[in-house]
Amino acid sequence: MKMIFLDIDGVLATNKEFAMNRTKFQTKHPEAMEIRIPYPFNPECVKIFNEILEETNSVIVLSSDWRFHWDLNDLDKIFKFNGVKKSPVAITSKMKRKISSELEDDRSFQIKTYVDEMLPDVWVAIDDLNLKSLGDNFIRTKDSEGLKQSGIKEKIIKILNNGNNFTSNI
């Protein structure tokens, strides 16, 4: 199984979408208000993500903080609303590595734990946070560009289709 650990903000939604007027967006799209979508994903980032999904046939595991606010059913509606061809099949754990840990440490720990439990054939984590402890399986995006960033799509596809694999020792 090929797995993508996905962050949303800074990957599918750039800081432009994050900063938009949410009231205007929800007024224009009542269905967004109904399922509490705060802002849309960036259409260009979605297009690239759909191409990645098509070329790799990967499943999505949400590692984004959005997992704290929506369940998988709501996330499915949000992904469909934004035109993403697949929805997350799971979310990473919400547990913290330690009480005083940083967001980056927690997210890396949650992804490593999921990998150790589920043992995907290959996987990649895409995030705008610095999750460098994930090694070559980590692709960092700029929050101003997300997946539109030059060369990102190719790196992700290469990892997923060439079997770059990482096993952690938590």
C-alpha atoms as a PDB file:
ATOM      1  CA  MET A   1       0.000   0.000   0.000  1.00  0.00           C
ATOM      2  CA  LYS A   2       1.202   3.513  -0.845  1.00  0.00           C
ATOM      3  CA  MET A   3       0.367   6.152   1.733  1.00  0.00           C
ATOM      4  CA  ILE A   4       0.420   9.945   1.782  1.00  0.00           C
ATOM      5  CA  PHE A   5       0.455  11.651   5.180  1.00  0.00           C
ATOM      6  CA  LEU A   6      -1.161  14.939   4.320  1.00  0.00           C
ATOM      7  CA  ASP A   7      -1.186  18.338   5.920  1.00  0.00           C
ATOM      8  CA  ILE A   8      -3.731  20.783   4.470  1.00  0.00           C
ATOM      9  CA  ASP A   9      -2.614  24.296   5.375  1.00  0.00           C
ATOM     10  CA  GLY A  10       0.506  25.135   3.409  1.00  0.00           C
ATOM     11  CA  VAL A  11       0.027  22.096   1.148  1.00  0.00           C
ATOM     12  CA  LEU A  12      -3.480  22.147  -0.381  1.00  0.00           C
ATOM     13  CA  ALA A  13      -4.490  25.557   0.978  1.00  0.00           C
ATOM     14  CA  THR A  14      -1.862  28.271   0.698  1.00  0.00           C
ATOM     15  CA  ASN A  15      -1.583  31.231   3.040  1.00  0.00           C
ATOM     16  CA  LYS A  16      -3.659  33.189   0.491  1.00  0.00           C
ATOM     17  CA  GLU A  17      -6.686  30.944   1.122  1.00  0.00           C
ATOM     18  CA  PHE A  18      -5.994  30.895   4.854  1.00  0.00           C
ATOM     19  CA  ALA A  19      -6.098  34.712   4.961  1.00  0.00           C
ATOM     20  CA  MET A  20      -9.233  35.151   2.860  1.00  0.00           C
ATOM     21  CA  ASN A  21     -12.471  36.608   4.166  1.00  0.00           C
ATOM     22  CA  ARG A  22     -14.186  33.500   5.519  1.00  0.00           C
ATOM     23  CA  THR A  23     -17.601  35.105   5.906  1.00  0.00           C
ATOM     24  CA  LYS A  24     -17.666  36.132   2.240  1.00  0.00           C
ATOM     25  CA  PHE A  25     -16.538  32.650   1.204  1.00  0.00           C
ATOM     26  CA  GLN A  26     -19.225  30.909   3.259  1.00  0.00           C
ATOM     27  CA  THR A  27     -21.919  33.369   2.117  1.00  0.00           C
ATOM     28  CA  LYS A  28     -21.030  32.648  -1.502  1.00  0.00           C
ATOM     29  CA  HIS A  29     -20.960  28.872  -0.833  1.00  0.00           C
ATOM     30  CA  PRO A  30     -23.738  27.942   1.625  1.00  0.00           C
ATOM     31  CA  GLU A  31     -22.704  24.264   1.467  1.00  0.00           C
ATOM     32  CA  ALA A  32     -19.309  25.327   2.841  1.00  0.00           C
ATOM     33  CA  MET A  33     -21.029  26.969   5.783  1.00  0.00           C
ATOM     34  CA  GLU A  34     -23.133  23.868   6.363  1.00  0.00           C
ATOM     35  CA  ILE A  35     -20.093  21.623   6.815  1.00  0.00           C
ATOM     36  CA  ARG A  36     -18.012  24.411   8.391  1.00  0.00           C
ATOM     37  CA  ILE A  37     -15.355  24.715   5.686  1.00  0.00           C
ATOM     38  CA  PRO A  38     -13.413  27.820   6.742  1.00  0.00           C
ATOM     39  CA  TYR A  39     -11.799  28.466   3.345  1.00  0.00           C
ATOM     40  CA  PRO A  40     -11.263  26.591   0.085  1.00  0.00           C
ATOM     41  CA  PHE A  41      -8.250  24.624  -1.028  1.00  0.00           C
ATOM     42  CA  ASN A  42      -6.128  26.208  -3.751  1.00  0.00           C
ATOM     43  CA  PRO A  43      -7.402  24.902  -7.132  1.00  0.00           C
ATOM     44  CA  GLU A  44      -3.898  24.609  -8.606  1.00  0.00           C
ATOM     45  CA  CYS A  45      -2.688  22.646  -5.579  1.00  0.00           C
ATOM     46  CA  VAL A  46      -5.731  20.366  -5.862  1.00  0.00           C
ATOM     47  CA  LYS A  47      -5.007  19.761  -9.563  1.00  0.00           C
ATOM     48  CA  ILE A  48      -1.434  18.738  -8.761  1.00  0.00           C
ATOM     49  CA  PHE A  49      -2.549  16.575  -5.829  1.00  0.00           C
ATOM     50  CA  ASN A  50      -5.074  14.787  -8.041  1.00  0.00           C
ATOM     51  CA  GLU A  51      -2.290  14.093 -10.551  1.00  0.00           C
ATOM     52  CA  ILE A  52      -0.153  12.648  -7.739  1.00  0.00           C
ATOM     53  CA  LEU A  53      -3.043  10.445  -6.612  1.00  0.00           C
ATOM     54  CA  GLU A  54      -3.641   9.217 -10.173  1.00  0.00           C
ATOM     55  CA  GLU A  55       0.024   8.466 -10.858  1.00  0.00           C
ATOM     56  CA  THR A  56       0.671   6.699  -7.549  1.00  0.00           C
ATOM     57  CA  ASN A  57      -2.690   5.189  -6.534  1.00  0.00           C
ATOM     58  CA  SER A  58      -1.955   6.184  -2.941  1.00  0.00           C
ATOM     59  CA  VAL A  59      -4.285   6.434   0.031  1.00  0.00           C
ATOM     60  CA  ILE A  60      -4.479   9.565   2.157  1.00  0.00           C
ATOM     61  CA  VAL A  61      -3.921   9.622   5.907  1.00  0.00           C
ATOM     62  CA  LEU A  62      -4.599  13.055   7.326  1.00  0.00           C
ATOM     63  CA  SER A  63      -1.910  14.372   9.657  1.00  0.00           C
ATOM     64  CA  SER A  64      -3.173  17.972   9.491  1.00  0.00           C
ATOM     65  CA  ASP A  65      -4.634  19.756  12.488  1.00  0.00           C
ATOM     66  CA  TRP A  66      -7.921  19.643  10.561  1.00  0.00           C
ATOM     67  CA  ARG A  67      -8.299  16.147  12.088  1.00  0.00           C
ATOM     68  CA  PHE A  68      -9.034  17.832  15.425  1.00  0.00           C
ATOM     69  CA  HIS A  69     -12.096  19.618  14.004  1.00  0.00           C
ATOM     70  CA  TRP A  70     -13.686  17.226  11.499  1.00  0.00           C
ATOM     71  CA  ASP A  71     -14.293  13.486  11.372  1.00  0.00           C
ATOM     72  CA  LEU A  72     -13.653  11.343   8.303  1.00  0.00           C
ATOM     73  CA  ASN A  73     -17.216  11.802   7.059  1.00  0.00           C
ATOM     74  CA  ASP A  74     -16.911  15.604   7.164  1.00  0.00           C
ATOM     75  CA  LEU A  75     -13.422  15.444   5.663  1.00  0.00           C
ATOM     76  CA  ASP A  76     -14.851  13.412   2.776  1.00  0.00           C
ATOM     77  CA  LYS A  77     -17.374  16.190   2.121  1.00  0.00           C
ATOM     78  CA  ILE A  78     -14.651  18.844   2.371  1.00  0.00           C
ATOM     79  CA  PHE A  79     -12.364  17.013  -0.043  1.00  0.00           C
ATOM     80  CA  LYS A  80     -15.220  16.457  -2.509  1.00  0.00           C
ATOM     81  CA  PHE A  81     -16.288  20.120  -2.236  1.00  0.00           C
ATOM     82  CA  ASN A  82     -12.729  21.105  -3.182  1.00  0.00           C
ATOM     83  CA  GLY A  83     -12.498  18.651  -6.090  1.00  0.00           C
ATOM     84  CA  VAL A  84      -9.987  16.228  -4.584  1.00  0.00           C
ATOM     85  CA  LYS A  85     -10.454  12.808  -6.211  1.00  0.00           C
ATOM     86  CA  LYS A  86      -9.869  10.816  -3.017  1.00  0.00           C
ATOM     87  CA  SER A  87     -10.618  11.494   0.613  1.00  0.00           C
ATOM     88  CA  PRO A  88      -8.618  10.516   3.684  1.00  0.00           C
ATOM     89  CA  VAL A  89      -9.084   6.905   4.754  1.00  0.00           C
ATOM     90  CA  ALA A  90      -7.694   7.563   8.232  1.00  0.00           C
ATOM     91  CA  ILE A  91      -6.166  10.172  10.504  1.00  0.00           C
ATOM     92  CA  THR A  92      -3.035   9.997  12.599  1.00  0.00           C
ATOM     93  CA  SER A  93      -3.232   9.779  16.361  1.00  0.00           C
ATOM     94  CA  LYS A  94      -3.853  12.902  18.398  1.00  0.00           C
ATOM     95  CA  MET A  95      -1.456  11.832  21.137  1.00  0.00           C
ATOM     96  CA  LYS A  96       1.539  13.969  22.012  1.00  0.00           C
ATOM     97  CA  ARG A  97       5.052  12.607  22.207  1.00  0.00           C
ATOM     98  CA  LYS A  98       5.598  14.332  25.540  1.00  0.00           C
ATOM     99  CA  ILE A  99       3.860  17.068  27.469  1.00  0.00           C
ATOM    100  CA  SER A 100       6.153  19.889  26.384  1.00  0.00           C
ATOM    101  CA  SER A 101       6.839  18.780  22.840  1.00  0.00           C
ATOM    102  CA  GLU A 102       6.683  21.057  19.808  1.00  0.00           C
ATOM    103  CA  LEU A 103       4.074  20.663  17.063  1.00  0.00           C
ATOM    104  CA  GLU A 104       6.733  19.351  14.655  1.00  0.00           C
ATOM    105  CA  ASP A 105       7.885  16.700  17.156  1.00  0.00           C
ATOM    106  CA  ASP A 106       4.308  15.607  17.831  1.00  0.00           C
ATOM    107  CA  ARG A 107       3.391  15.356  14.158  1.00  0.00           C
ATOM    108  CA  SER A 108       6.564  13.405  13.302  1.00  0.00           C
ATOM    109  CA  PHE A 109       5.918  11.061  16.243  1.00  0.00           C
ATOM    110  CA  GLN A 110       2.287  10.534  15.175  1.00  0.00           C
ATOM    111  CA  ILE A 111       3.315   9.704  11.596  1.00  0.00           C
ATOM    112  CA  LYS A 112       6.122   7.365  12.711  1.00  0.00           C
ATOM    113  CA  THR A 113       3.735   5.584  15.071  1.00  0.00           C
ATOM    114  CA  TYR A 114       1.177   5.109  12.294  1.00  0.00           C
ATOM    115  CA  VAL A 115       3.860   3.779   9.924  1.00  0.00           C
ATOM    116  CA  ASP A 116       5.105   1.331  12.554  1.00  0.00           C
ATOM    117  CA  GLU A 117       1.554   0.080  13.189  1.00  0.00           C
ATOM    118  CA  MET A 118       0.270  -0.101   9.608  1.00  0.00           C
ATOM    119  CA  LEU A 119       3.505  -0.955   7.760  1.00  0.00           C
ATOM    120  CA  PRO A 120       2.717   0.649   4.394  1.00  0.00           C
ATOM    121  CA  ASP A 121       4.852  -0.506   1.455  1.00  0.00           C
ATOM    122  CA  VAL A 122       5.924   3.084   0.823  1.00  0.00           C
ATOM    123  CA  TRP A 123       4.879   6.415   2.210  1.00  0.00           C
ATOM    124  CA  VAL A 124       5.515  10.130   2.106  1.00  0.00           C
ATOM    125  CA  ALA A 125       4.633  12.955   4.488  1.00  0.00           C
ATOM    126  CA  ILE A 126       3.810  16.320   2.901  1.00  0.00           C
ATOM    127  CA  ASP A 127       3.794  19.297   5.248  1.00  0.00           C
ATOM    128  CA  ASP A 128       4.865  22.924   5.544  1.00  0.00           C
ATOM    129  CA  LEU A 129       6.200  22.229   9.045  1.00  0.00           C
ATOM    130  CA  ASN A 130       9.762  20.989   9.334  1.00  0.00           C
ATOM    131  CA  LEU A 131       9.409  17.255   9.947  1.00  0.00           C
ATOM    132  CA  LYS A 132      13.067  16.538   9.150  1.00  0.00           C
ATOM    133  CA  SER A 133      13.183  13.543  11.491  1.00  0.00           C
ATOM    134  CA  LEU A 134      11.132  11.685   8.860  1.00  0.00           C
ATOM    135  CA  GLY A 135      14.168  11.696   6.581  1.00  0.00           C
ATOM    136  CA  ASP A 136      13.798  11.117   2.853  1.00  0.00           C
ATOM    137  CA  ASN A 137      10.090  10.349   3.244  1.00  0.00           C
ATOM    138  CA  PHE A 138       9.382  13.977   4.081  1.00  0.00           C
ATOM    139  CA  ILE A 139       8.565  16.658   1.513  1.00  0.00           C
ATOM    140  CA  ARG A 140       8.363  20.215   2.829  1.00  0.00           C
ATOM    141  CA  THR A 141       6.244  22.801   1.038  1.00  0.00           C
ATOM    142  CA  LYS A 142       6.289  26.568   1.334  1.00  0.00           C
ATOM    143  CA  ASP A 143       3.026  27.841   2.829  1.00  0.00           C
ATOM    144  CA  SER A 144       2.809  30.494   0.107  1.00  0.00           C
ATOM    145  CA  GLU A 145       2.952  27.891  -2.695  1.00  0.00           C
ATOM    146  CA  GLY A 146       1.903  24.516  -1.352  1.00  0.00           C
ATOM    147  CA  LEU A 147       1.992  21.791  -3.983  1.00  0.00           C
ATOM    148  CA  LYS A 148       2.464  24.412  -6.718  1.00  0.00           C
ATOM    149  CA  GLN A 149       6.095  24.700  -5.624  1.00  0.00           C
ATOM    150  CA  SER A 150       8.470  23.771  -8.426  1.00  0.00           C
ATOM    151  CA  GLY A 151       9.665  20.154  -8.330  1.00  0.00           C
ATOM    152  CA  ILE A 152       7.477  19.020  -5.415  1.00  0.00           C
ATOM    153  CA  LYS A 153       5.090  16.883  -7.472  1.00  0.00           C
ATOM    154  CA  GLU A 154       7.975  15.000  -9.080  1.00  0.00           C
ATOM    155  CA  LYS A 155       9.684  14.348  -5.729  1.00  0.00           C
ATOM    156  CA  ILE A 156       6.484  12.948  -4.230  1.00  0.00           C
ATOM    157  CA  ILE A 157       5.790  10.697  -7.208  1.00  0.00           C
ATOM    158  CA  LYS A 158       9.390   9.462  -7.213  1.00  0.00           C
ATOM    159  CA  ILE A 159       9.207   8.469  -3.545  1.00  0.00           C
ATOM    160  CA  LEU A 160       5.860   6.718  -3.920  1.00  0.00           C
ATOM    161  CA  ASN A 161       6.633   4.943  -7.196  1.00  0.00           C
ATOM    162  CA  ASN A 162      10.246   4.007  -6.460  1.00  0.00           C
ATOM    163  CA  GLY A 163       9.661   2.588  -3.014  1.00  0.00           C
ATOM    164  CA  ASN A 164      11.754   4.891  -0.825  1.00  0.00           C
ATOM    165  CA  ASN A 165      10.948   3.316   2.518  1.00  0.00           C
ATOM    166  CA  PHE A 166      11.659   4.413   6.082  1.00  0.00           C
ATOM    167  CA  THR A 167      11.247   2.459   9.251  1.00  0.00           C
ATOM    168  CA  SER A 168      11.361   4.320  12.488  1.00  0.00           C
ATOM    169  CA  ASN A 169      12.675   3.493  15.888  1.00  0.00           C
ATOM    170  CA  ILE A 170      10.473   5.500  18.200  1.00  0.00           C
END
